[in-house]
C-alpha atoms as a PDB file:
ATOM      1  CA  MET A   1      10.374  16.865   0.233  1.00  0.00           C
ATOM      2  CA  ILE A   2       8.351  16.056   3.721  1.00  0.00           C
ATOM      3  CA  ASP A   3       8.430  19.295   5.686  1.00  0.00           C
ATOM      4  CA  GLN A   4       9.617  17.697   8.831  1.00  0.00           C
ATOM      5  CA  LYS A   5      10.029  20.979  10.759  1.00  0.00           C
ATOM      6  CA  ALA A   6       6.343  22.073   9.506  1.00  0.00           C
ATOM      7  CA  ILE A   7       5.373  18.484  11.035  1.00  0.00           C
ATOM      8  CA  GLU A   8       6.625  19.472  14.423  1.00  0.00           C
ATOM      9  CA  GLU A   9       5.085  22.866  14.313  1.00  0.00           C
ATOM     10  CA  HIS A  10       1.590  21.505  13.376  1.00  0.00           C
ATOM     11  CA  VAL A  11       2.032  18.178  15.881  1.00  0.00           C
ATOM     12  CA  ARG A  12       2.867  20.529  18.954  1.00  0.00           C
ATOM     13  CA  GLY A  13      -0.047  22.925  18.019  1.00  0.00           C
ATOM     14  CA  ILE A  14      -2.397  19.727  17.680  1.00  0.00           C
ATOM     15  CA  LEU A  15      -1.125  18.747  21.028  1.00  0.00           C
ATOM     16  CA  LEU A  16      -2.339  22.217  22.908  1.00  0.00           C
ATOM     17  CA  ALA A  17      -5.290  21.779  21.080  1.00  0.00           C
ATOM     18  CA  LEU A  18      -5.184  18.976  22.907  1.00  0.00           C
ATOM     19  CA  GLY A  19      -5.318  20.454  26.218  1.00  0.00           C
ATOM     20  CA  GLU A  20      -1.821  18.405  26.211  1.00  0.00           C
ATOM     21  CA  ASN A  21       1.550  20.114  27.612  1.00  0.00           C
ATOM     22  CA  PRO A  22       3.987  19.824  24.844  1.00  0.00           C
ATOM     23  CA  ASP A  23       6.599  20.524  27.204  1.00  0.00           C
ATOM     24  CA  ARG A  24       5.970  17.809  29.846  1.00  0.00           C
ATOM     25  CA  GLU A  25       8.554  14.943  29.930  1.00  0.00           C
ATOM     26  CA  GLY A  26       6.682  12.225  28.126  1.00  0.00           C
ATOM     27  CA  LEU A  27       5.634  14.753  25.096  1.00  0.00           C
ATOM     28  CA  LEU A  28       9.281  17.161  25.044  1.00  0.00           C
ATOM     29  CA  GLU A  29      10.365  15.180  21.796  1.00  0.00           C
ATOM     30  CA  THR A  30       7.012  13.588  20.553  1.00  0.00           C
ATOM     31  CA  PRO A  31       6.425  16.440  17.771  1.00  0.00           C
ATOM     32  CA  GLU A  32       9.991  15.319  16.501  1.00  0.00           C
ATOM     33  CA  ARG A  33       9.531  11.997  16.566  1.00  0.00           C
ATOM     34  CA  VAL A  34       6.152  12.295  14.930  1.00  0.00           C
ATOM     35  CA  ALA A  35       7.797  14.512  12.016  1.00  0.00           C
ATOM     36  CA  ARG A  36      10.506  11.112  11.499  1.00  0.00           C
ATOM     37  CA  MET A  37       7.839   8.565  11.786  1.00  0.00           C
ATOM     38  CA  TYR A  38       5.610  10.573   9.103  1.00  0.00           C
ATOM     39  CA  ALA A  39       9.034  10.850   6.653  1.00  0.00           C
ATOM     40  CA  GLU A  40       9.330   6.972   6.969  1.00  0.00           C
ATOM     41  CA  ILE A  41       5.195   5.880   6.377  1.00  0.00           C
ATOM     42  CA  PHE A  42       4.733   8.371   4.185  1.00  0.00           C
ATOM     43  CA  GLU A  43       7.729   8.164   1.779  1.00  0.00           C
ATOM     44  CA  GLY A  44       5.528   6.914  -1.282  1.00  0.00           C
ATOM     45  CA  ILE A  45       3.994  10.477  -1.354  1.00  0.00           C
ATOM     46  CA  GLY A  46       6.953  11.545  -3.267  1.00  0.00           C
ATOM     47  CA  TYR A  47       7.183   9.222  -6.202  1.00  0.00           C
ATOM     48  CA  THR A  48       4.560   9.260  -9.097  1.00  0.00           C
ATOM     49  CA  ASN A  49       3.647   5.496  -9.906  1.00  0.00           C
ATOM     50  CA  HIS A  50       5.830   5.615 -13.375  1.00  0.00           C
ATOM     51  CA  GLU A  51       8.679   6.424 -10.970  1.00  0.00           C
ATOM     52  CA  ILE A  52       7.887   3.654  -8.576  1.00  0.00           C
ATOM     53  CA  ALA A  53       8.192   1.304 -11.945  1.00  0.00           C
ATOM     54  CA  GLU A  54      11.278   2.466 -12.837  1.00  0.00           C
ATOM     55  CA  MET A  55      12.831   1.807  -8.949  1.00  0.00           C
ATOM     56  CA  PHE A  56      11.472  -1.520  -8.576  1.00  0.00           C
ATOM     57  CA  GLY A  57      11.717  -2.291 -12.278  1.00  0.00           C
ATOM     58  CA  LYS A  58      14.031  -4.690 -13.065  1.00  0.00           C
ATOM     59  CA  THR A  59      13.321  -7.568 -15.073  1.00  0.00           C
ATOM     60  CA  PHE A  60      14.321 -10.934 -16.306  1.00  0.00           C
ATOM     61  CA  GLU A  61      13.690 -12.669 -19.884  1.00  0.00           C
ATOM     62  CA  ALA A  62      10.531 -14.757 -19.284  1.00  0.00           C
ATOM     63  CA  PRO A  63      10.986 -18.206 -19.798  1.00  0.00           C
ATOM     64  CA  LYS A  64       8.861 -20.010 -22.712  1.00  0.00           C
ATOM     65  CA  ASN A  65       5.531 -20.651 -21.984  1.00  0.00           C
ATOM     66  CA  ALA A  66       5.734 -19.016 -18.437  1.00  0.00           C
ATOM     67  CA  GLY A  67       2.615 -19.055 -16.523  1.00  0.00           C
ATOM     68  CA  PRO A  68       1.074 -16.610 -14.300  1.00  0.00           C
ATOM     69  CA  VAL A  69       2.957 -15.459 -11.219  1.00  0.00           C
ATOM     70  CA  VAL A  70       1.127 -15.252  -7.792  1.00  0.00           C
ATOM     71  CA  VAL A  71       2.542 -13.746  -4.866  1.00  0.00           C
ATOM     72  CA  ARG A  72       0.640 -14.546  -2.024  1.00  0.00           C
ATOM     73  CA  ASP A  73       0.159 -12.585   1.729  1.00  0.00           C
ATOM     74  CA  ILE A  74       2.342  -9.139   1.608  1.00  0.00           C
ATOM     75  CA  GLU A  75       1.858  -7.629   4.266  1.00  0.00           C
ATOM     76  CA  VAL A  76       1.689  -3.946   4.294  1.00  0.00           C
ATOM     77  CA  PHE A  77       0.035  -0.890   6.181  1.00  0.00           C
ATOM     78  CA  SER A  78      -1.271   2.883   5.246  1.00  0.00           C
ATOM     79  CA  TYR A  79      -3.198   5.321   6.099  1.00  0.00           C
ATOM     80  CA  CYS A  80      -6.769   6.161   5.094  1.00  0.00           C
ATOM     81  CA  GLU A  81      -6.965   9.572   3.598  1.00  0.00           C
ATOM     82  CA  HIS A  82      -9.942  10.545   5.327  1.00  0.00           C
ATOM     83  CA  HIS A  83      -9.256  10.493   8.665  1.00  0.00           C
ATOM     84  CA  MET A  84      -5.323   9.555   8.507  1.00  0.00           C
ATOM     85  CA  ALA A  85      -6.136   6.625  10.473  1.00  0.00           C
ATOM     86  CA  LEU A  86      -3.857   3.283  10.236  1.00  0.00           C
ATOM     87  CA  MET A  87      -5.456   0.731   7.568  1.00  0.00           C
ATOM     88  CA  TYR A  88      -3.294  -2.387   9.513  1.00  0.00           C
ATOM     89  CA  ASP A  89      -3.321  -6.165   9.094  1.00  0.00           C
ATOM     90  CA  MET A  90      -3.609  -6.321   5.252  1.00  0.00           C
ATOM     91  CA  SER A  91      -2.563  -8.901   2.913  1.00  0.00           C
ATOM     92  CA  VAL A  92      -2.031  -8.120  -0.607  1.00  0.00           C
ATOM     93  CA  ASN A  93      -1.930 -11.088  -3.329  1.00  0.00           C
ATOM     94  CA  VAL A  94      -0.236 -10.303  -6.708  1.00  0.00           C
ATOM     95  CA  ALA A  95      -0.602 -11.778 -10.051  1.00  0.00           C
ATOM     96  CA  TYR A  96       0.307 -11.061 -13.358  1.00  0.00           C
ATOM     97  CA  VAL A  97       0.610 -13.597 -16.661  1.00  0.00           C
ATOM     98  CA  PRO A  98       4.360 -12.198 -17.998  1.00  0.00           C
ATOM     99  CA  LYS A  99       4.605 -11.493 -21.954  1.00  0.00           C
ATOM    100  CA  ASP A 100       8.524 -11.015 -22.904  1.00  0.00           C
ATOM    101  CA  LYS A 101       9.953 -10.795 -19.347  1.00  0.00           C
ATOM    102  CA  VAL A 102       9.409 -11.427 -15.719  1.00  0.00           C
ATOM    103  CA  ILE A 103      10.471  -9.084 -12.282  1.00  0.00           C
ATOM    104  CA  GLY A 104      12.228 -10.007  -9.428  1.00  0.00           C
ATOM    105  CA  LEU A 105      10.281 -11.446  -6.596  1.00  0.00           C
ATOM    106  CA  SER A 106      11.348  -9.005  -4.008  1.00  0.00           C
ATOM    107  CA  LYS A 107      10.344  -6.062  -6.285  1.00  0.00           C
ATOM    108  CA  ILE A 108       6.819  -6.792  -6.245  1.00  0.00           C
ATOM    109  CA  ALA A 109       6.673  -6.658  -2.110  1.00  0.00           C
ATOM    110  CA  ARG A 110       8.952  -3.821  -2.575  1.00  0.00           C
ATOM    111  CA  ILE A 111       5.790  -2.173  -4.941  1.00  0.00           C
ATOM    112  CA  CYS A 112       3.558  -2.863  -2.827  1.00  0.00           C
ATOM    113  CA  ASP A 113       5.070  -1.301   0.240  1.00  0.00           C
ATOM    114  CA  MET A 114       6.065   1.837  -1.566  1.00  0.00           C
ATOM    115  CA  ALA A 115       2.283   2.297  -3.043  1.00  0.00           C
ATOM    116  CA  ALA A 116       0.944   2.179   0.568  1.00  0.00           C
ATOM    117  CA  LYS A 117       3.134   4.649   1.763  1.00  0.00           C
ATOM    118  CA  ARG A 118       0.635   6.895   0.995  1.00  0.00           C
ATOM    119  CA  LEU A 119      -2.464   8.724   2.080  1.00  0.00           C
ATOM    120  CA  GLN A 120      -4.436   6.063   0.354  1.00  0.00           C
ATOM    121  CA  LEU A 121      -7.914   4.467   0.017  1.00  0.00           C
ATOM    122  CA  GLN A 122      -7.871   0.837  -0.067  1.00  0.00           C
ATOM    123  CA  GLU A 123      -9.000   0.434  -3.690  1.00  0.00           C
ATOM    124  CA  ARG A 124      -6.426   3.136  -5.226  1.00  0.00           C
ATOM    125  CA  LEU A 125      -3.864   0.994  -3.538  1.00  0.00           C
ATOM    126  CA  GLY A 126      -5.114  -1.888  -5.755  1.00  0.00           C
ATOM    127  CA  SER A 127      -5.648  -0.080  -8.712  1.00  0.00           C
ATOM    128  CA  ASP A 128      -1.875   2.088  -7.940  1.00  0.00           C
ATOM    129  CA  ILE A 129       0.227  -1.477  -7.332  1.00  0.00           C
ATOM    130  CA  ALA A 130      -1.632  -3.202 -10.819  1.00  0.00           C
ATOM    131  CA  GLU A 131      -0.564  -0.041 -12.433  1.00  0.00           C
ATOM    132  CA  ILE A 132       3.202   0.009 -11.419  1.00  0.00           C
ATOM    133  CA  LEU A 133       3.279  -3.662 -11.991  1.00  0.00           C
ATOM    134  CA  MET A 134       1.707  -3.293 -15.528  1.00  0.00           C
ATOM    135  CA  GLU A 135       4.623  -0.981 -16.635  1.00  0.00           C
ATOM    136  CA  ALA A 136       7.252  -2.314 -14.943  1.00  0.00           C
ATOM    137  CA  ALA A 137       6.719  -5.974 -15.891  1.00  0.00           C
ATOM    138  CA  GLY A 138       5.592  -4.957 -19.480  1.00  0.00           C
ATOM    139  CA  THR A 139       2.166  -6.624 -19.557  1.00  0.00           C
ATOM    140  CA  PRO A 140      -1.582  -5.572 -19.145  1.00  0.00           C
ATOM    141  CA  ASP A 141      -2.283  -8.892 -17.572  1.00  0.00           C
ATOM    142  CA  VAL A 142      -2.285  -8.146 -13.758  1.00  0.00           C
ATOM    143  CA  GLY A 143      -4.464  -9.318 -10.319  1.00  0.00           C
ATOM    144  CA  VAL A 144      -4.650  -7.418  -7.249  1.00  0.00           C
ATOM    145  CA  VAL A 145      -6.269  -8.424  -3.772  1.00  0.00           C
ATOM    146  CA  ILE A 146      -6.352  -6.512  -0.907  1.00  0.00           C
ATOM    147  CA  ALA A 147      -7.894  -7.816   2.632  1.00  0.00           C
ATOM    148  CA  GLY A 148      -7.533  -5.552   5.222  1.00  0.00           C
ATOM    149  CA  THR A 149      -8.397  -3.739   8.187  1.00  0.00           C
ATOM    150  CA  HIS A 150      -9.199   0.214   8.785  1.00  0.00           C
ATOM    151  CA  SER A 151      -9.364   2.031  12.287  1.00  0.00           C
ATOM    152  CA  CYS A 152     -11.425   4.380  11.039  1.00  0.00           C
ATOM    153  CA  MET A 153     -14.341   1.769  11.567  1.00  0.00           C
ATOM    154  CA  THR A 154     -12.307  -0.394  14.863  1.00  0.00           C
ATOM    155  CA  ALA A 155     -11.416   2.014  16.518  1.00  0.00           C
ATOM    156  CA  ARG A 156     -14.345   5.115  15.938  1.00  0.00           C
ATOM    157  CA  GLY A 157     -17.431   5.978  14.292  1.00  0.00           C
ATOM    158  CA  ILE A 158     -19.100   1.746  14.410  1.00  0.00           C
ATOM    159  CA  ARG A 159     -16.126   0.409  16.431  1.00  0.00           C
ATOM    160  CA  ASN A 160     -16.892  -2.526  14.530  1.00  0.00           C
ATOM    161  CA  ALA A 161     -13.263  -4.615  15.575  1.00  0.00           C
ATOM    162  CA  SER A 162     -14.081  -7.644  13.365  1.00  0.00           C
ATOM    163  CA  ALA A 163     -14.632  -5.687  10.136  1.00  0.00           C
ATOM    164  CA  ARG A 164     -12.479  -6.296   7.014  1.00  0.00           C
ATOM    165  CA  THR A 165     -12.857  -4.718   4.014  1.00  0.00           C
ATOM    166  CA  VAL A 166     -11.849  -6.742   0.292  1.00  0.00           C
ATOM    167  CA  THR A 167     -10.897  -5.037  -2.656  1.00  0.00           C
ATOM    168  CA  GLN A 168      -9.876  -6.596  -5.932  1.00  0.00           C
ATOM    169  CA  THR A 169      -8.484  -5.045  -9.181  1.00  0.00           C
ATOM    170  CA  PHE A 170      -7.986  -7.316 -12.301  1.00  0.00           C
ATOM    171  CA  CYS A 171      -6.648  -5.559 -15.486  1.00  0.00           C
ATOM    172  CA  GLY A 172      -6.180  -7.568 -19.057  1.00  0.00           C
ATOM    173  CA  ARG A 173      -7.225 -10.881 -18.903  1.00  0.00           C
ATOM    174  CA  PHE A 174      -7.685 -10.868 -14.972  1.00  0.00           C
ATOM    175  CA  GLN A 175     -11.301  -9.072 -15.974  1.00  0.00           C
ATOM    176  CA  GLU A 176     -12.909 -12.067 -17.511  1.00  0.00           C
ATOM    177  CA  ASP A 177     -11.028 -15.352 -16.577  1.00  0.00           C
ATOM    178  CA  TRP A 178     -12.304 -16.702 -13.399  1.00  0.00           C
ATOM    179  CA  ASN A 179      -9.319 -19.283 -13.139  1.00  0.00           C
ATOM    180  CA  LEU A 180      -6.810 -16.210 -13.225  1.00  0.00           C
ATOM    181  CA  GLN A 181      -9.057 -14.246 -10.612  1.00  0.00           C
ATOM    182  CA  ARG A 182      -9.291 -17.539  -8.395  1.00  0.00           C
ATOM    183  CA  LEU A 183      -5.673 -17.426  -8.130  1.00  0.00           C
ATOM    184  CA  LEU A 184      -5.748 -14.035  -5.866  1.00  0.00           C
ATOM    185  CA  THR A 185      -9.280 -14.571  -4.141  1.00  0.00           C
ATOM    186  CA  GLU A 186      -8.971 -18.482  -2.748  1.00  0.00           C
ATOM    187  CA  GLY A 187      -8.701 -18.201   0.773  1.00  0.00           C
ATOM    188  CA  VAL A 188      -8.830 -14.727   1.092  1.00  0.00           C
ATOM    189  CA  LYS A 189     -10.035 -13.701   4.712  1.00  0.00           C
END
């Protein structure tokens, strides 16, 4: 899916455009290393939300009267689609109210990780995670809160190193139930 040879050629061209010598010792293997890195960090581009839900949709029968399931502080990183700049120090809080089934807890973290492995907007990342989890867990009641730092703000432009972005995606009962929202938003920095 990801054309690593094309990436190598383009990275070499970027190095030349920057005035660098891609044949010098320190840069000799850089195009190949960048191509391998891109194949890894952008793996999610090759999958739709539906395909990710199928990949990580291992579920179990929900216990009777199961309350909300909350997984906090899932660490991910992604790349801004506007500058291809790193979005880092990202913490994802995810919650859902089970209907007939519960999803394996590690699958929630895997969903977050795979959705982040795309050129993204933080707002869309939360929406993608919610959409995937709704399908995988079979419930409309999902909430996602993400807090992260964007190098397009910290390392360039305004250069505000302390700026953090917090986004919220609330679906189903999470849209109006403050108690459910609070499970995700308390302590978010």
